[in-house]
């Protein structure tokens, strides 16, 4: 399923969600540049009824606009009190990053509304010297 652009209404600052709560953002403590990094975001429905909940994510590391995190399954209907996790990925840049995970709820006005945010840092792994110790350059005499 290809992720389509979605119109979102941002009605307040980031903070504890009114309708949703991001309970966990899982990612490795560090990753090497170019590697595919797995991210898991767990979101809880804090309401007493079933609502649609969507996840989003972006990487902060000094570029603008912030690159997004790919979540193949990015929304679901949650029963009251239910938690669900969304799995996503991103290619690790050559910099440490801060993951920004976002949750949205689907309102009675048929629009998605921002509700919660949580962050997690992923450091850049150091390249091991051993990977380069056997490098040799040869040439042929003419």
Protein backbone atom coordinates (compact mmCIF):
# COMPACT_ATOMS: atom_id res chain seq x y z
CA UNK A 1 0.00 0.00 0.00
CA UNK A 2 1.51 3.32 -1.09
CA UNK A 3 1.24 6.09 1.47
CA UNK A 4 -0.79 9.02 0.15
CA UNK A 5 -0.53 12.63 1.36
CA UNK A 6 -3.05 13.32 4.11
CA UNK A 7 -4.44 16.69 5.19
CA UNK A 8 -3.84 17.22 8.89
CA UNK A 9 -5.13 19.87 11.27
CA UNK A 10 -2.68 21.02 13.96
CA UNK A 11 -4.71 22.64 16.69
CA UNK A 12 -2.25 22.80 19.60
CA UNK A 13 1.37 22.36 20.60
CA UNK A 14 3.02 18.97 21.00
CA UNK A 15 2.53 17.37 24.38
CA UNK A 16 0.47 14.70 26.06
CA UNK A 17 -2.32 13.68 23.72
CA UNK A 18 -5.95 14.22 24.61
CA UNK A 19 -7.23 11.22 22.61
CA UNK A 20 -4.04 9.23 21.98
CA UNK A 21 -0.80 8.51 23.80
CA UNK A 22 2.47 7.45 22.21
CA UNK A 23 3.67 4.99 24.82
CA UNK A 24 6.90 3.77 23.20
CA UNK A 25 9.24 4.64 20.34
CA UNK A 26 11.61 1.70 19.74
CA UNK A 27 14.75 2.11 17.63
CA UNK A 28 18.39 1.09 18.01
CA UNK A 29 20.69 3.30 20.08
CA UNK A 30 22.94 3.68 17.03
CA UNK A 31 23.15 2.68 13.37
CA UNK A 32 25.71 2.96 10.58
CA UNK A 33 25.29 5.45 7.77
CA UNK A 34 23.27 3.98 4.91
CA UNK A 35 21.73 1.17 6.96
CA UNK A 36 17.98 0.59 7.08
CA UNK A 37 16.77 1.44 10.58
CA UNK A 38 13.64 -0.22 12.01
CA UNK A 39 11.32 1.94 14.12
CA UNK A 40 8.30 0.76 16.14
CA UNK A 41 5.81 3.26 17.56
CA UNK A 42 3.18 2.09 20.06
CA UNK A 43 0.06 4.25 20.40
CA UNK A 44 -2.84 3.90 22.84
CA UNK A 45 -6.45 5.04 22.36
CA UNK A 46 -7.24 7.01 25.54
CA UNK A 47 -10.95 7.44 24.71
CA UNK A 48 -14.01 5.39 25.71
CA UNK A 49 -14.92 4.66 22.07
CA UNK A 50 -13.40 3.37 18.82
CA UNK A 51 -11.45 6.00 16.88
CA UNK A 52 -9.16 6.11 13.86
CA UNK A 53 -5.52 6.72 14.78
CA UNK A 54 -2.66 7.56 12.41
CA UNK A 55 1.10 7.56 12.95
CA UNK A 56 3.68 9.84 11.37
CA UNK A 57 7.36 10.42 11.84
CA UNK A 58 10.25 12.62 10.80
CA UNK A 59 14.02 12.80 11.31
CA UNK A 60 15.71 15.84 12.77
CA UNK A 61 19.41 16.21 11.94
CA UNK A 62 20.02 19.62 10.42
CA UNK A 63 18.26 19.45 7.05
CA UNK A 64 14.99 21.09 6.07
CA UNK A 65 12.40 19.88 5.47
CA UNK A 66 12.84 16.95 7.84
CA UNK A 67 12.84 13.61 5.99
CA UNK A 68 9.90 11.36 6.84
CA UNK A 69 9.84 7.84 8.24
CA UNK A 70 8.07 5.31 6.03
CA UNK A 71 5.19 3.51 7.79
CA UNK A 72 3.61 1.08 5.27
CA UNK A 73 0.54 0.63 7.52
CA UNK A 74 0.09 4.10 8.96
CA UNK A 75 -3.45 4.11 10.39
CA UNK A 76 -5.93 1.79 12.12
CA UNK A 77 -9.22 1.89 14.01
CA UNK A 78 -8.57 1.35 17.73
CA UNK A 79 -11.12 0.11 20.24
CA UNK A 80 -11.45 1.99 23.55
CA UNK A 81 -8.24 1.63 25.59
CA UNK A 82 -6.52 -0.47 22.89
CA UNK A 83 -2.82 -0.08 22.05
CA UNK A 84 -1.37 -0.84 18.64
CA UNK A 85 2.12 -0.62 17.20
CA UNK A 86 3.20 0.65 13.81
CA UNK A 87 6.46 -0.48 12.19
CA UNK A 88 8.45 1.90 10.02
CA UNK A 89 11.89 2.34 8.48
CA UNK A 90 14.32 4.99 7.37
CA UNK A 91 17.78 5.05 5.80
CA UNK A 92 20.32 6.24 8.36
CA UNK A 93 22.06 9.43 7.21
CA UNK A 94 25.70 10.19 7.99
CA UNK A 95 24.57 12.04 11.11
CA UNK A 96 22.99 11.21 14.47
CA UNK A 97 19.22 11.80 14.31
CA UNK A 98 16.29 12.56 16.57
CA UNK A 99 13.18 10.60 15.63
CA UNK A 100 9.96 12.59 16.05
CA UNK A 101 6.95 10.24 16.23
CA UNK A 102 3.48 11.78 15.93
CA UNK A 103 -0.05 10.50 16.54
CA UNK A 104 -3.25 11.83 15.02
CA UNK A 105 -6.92 11.00 15.57
CA UNK A 106 -9.71 11.05 13.00
CA UNK A 107 -12.30 13.60 14.09
CA UNK A 108 -16.05 13.90 13.62
CA UNK A 109 -15.24 16.62 11.05
CA UNK A 110 -13.68 13.93 8.78
CA UNK A 111 -10.14 15.32 9.25
CA UNK A 112 -6.97 14.06 10.95
CA UNK A 113 -5.90 16.07 14.01
CA UNK A 114 -2.43 16.12 15.59
CA UNK A 115 -2.56 14.79 19.16
CA UNK A 116 0.78 13.58 20.58
CA UNK A 117 4.54 13.52 19.97
CA UNK A 118 7.48 11.57 21.37
CA UNK A 119 11.15 11.62 20.44
CA UNK A 120 14.04 9.16 20.47
CA UNK A 121 17.70 9.68 19.54
CA UNK A 122 19.69 7.34 17.29
CA UNK A 123 23.45 7.84 17.25
CA UNK A 124 25.78 7.22 14.35
CA UNK A 125 27.81 4.00 14.71
CA UNK A 126 31.57 4.27 14.42
CA UNK A 127 33.17 2.46 11.49
CA UNK A 128 35.50 -0.24 12.76
CA UNK A 129 39.15 0.12 11.75
CA UNK A 130 39.33 -3.61 11.05
CA UNK A 131 37.17 -3.11 7.97
CA UNK A 132 39.99 -1.16 6.32
CA UNK A 133 43.12 -2.98 7.56
CA UNK A 134 43.29 -5.36 4.59
CA UNK A 135 42.98 -2.67 1.92
CA UNK A 136 45.82 -2.80 -0.60
CA UNK A 137 46.46 -1.00 -3.87
CA UNK A 138 48.34 -2.67 -6.70
CA UNK A 139 49.59 -1.52 -10.06
CA UNK A 140 51.00 -3.22 -13.10
CA UNK A 141 54.38 -2.37 -14.70
CA UNK A 142 54.16 -1.36 -18.32
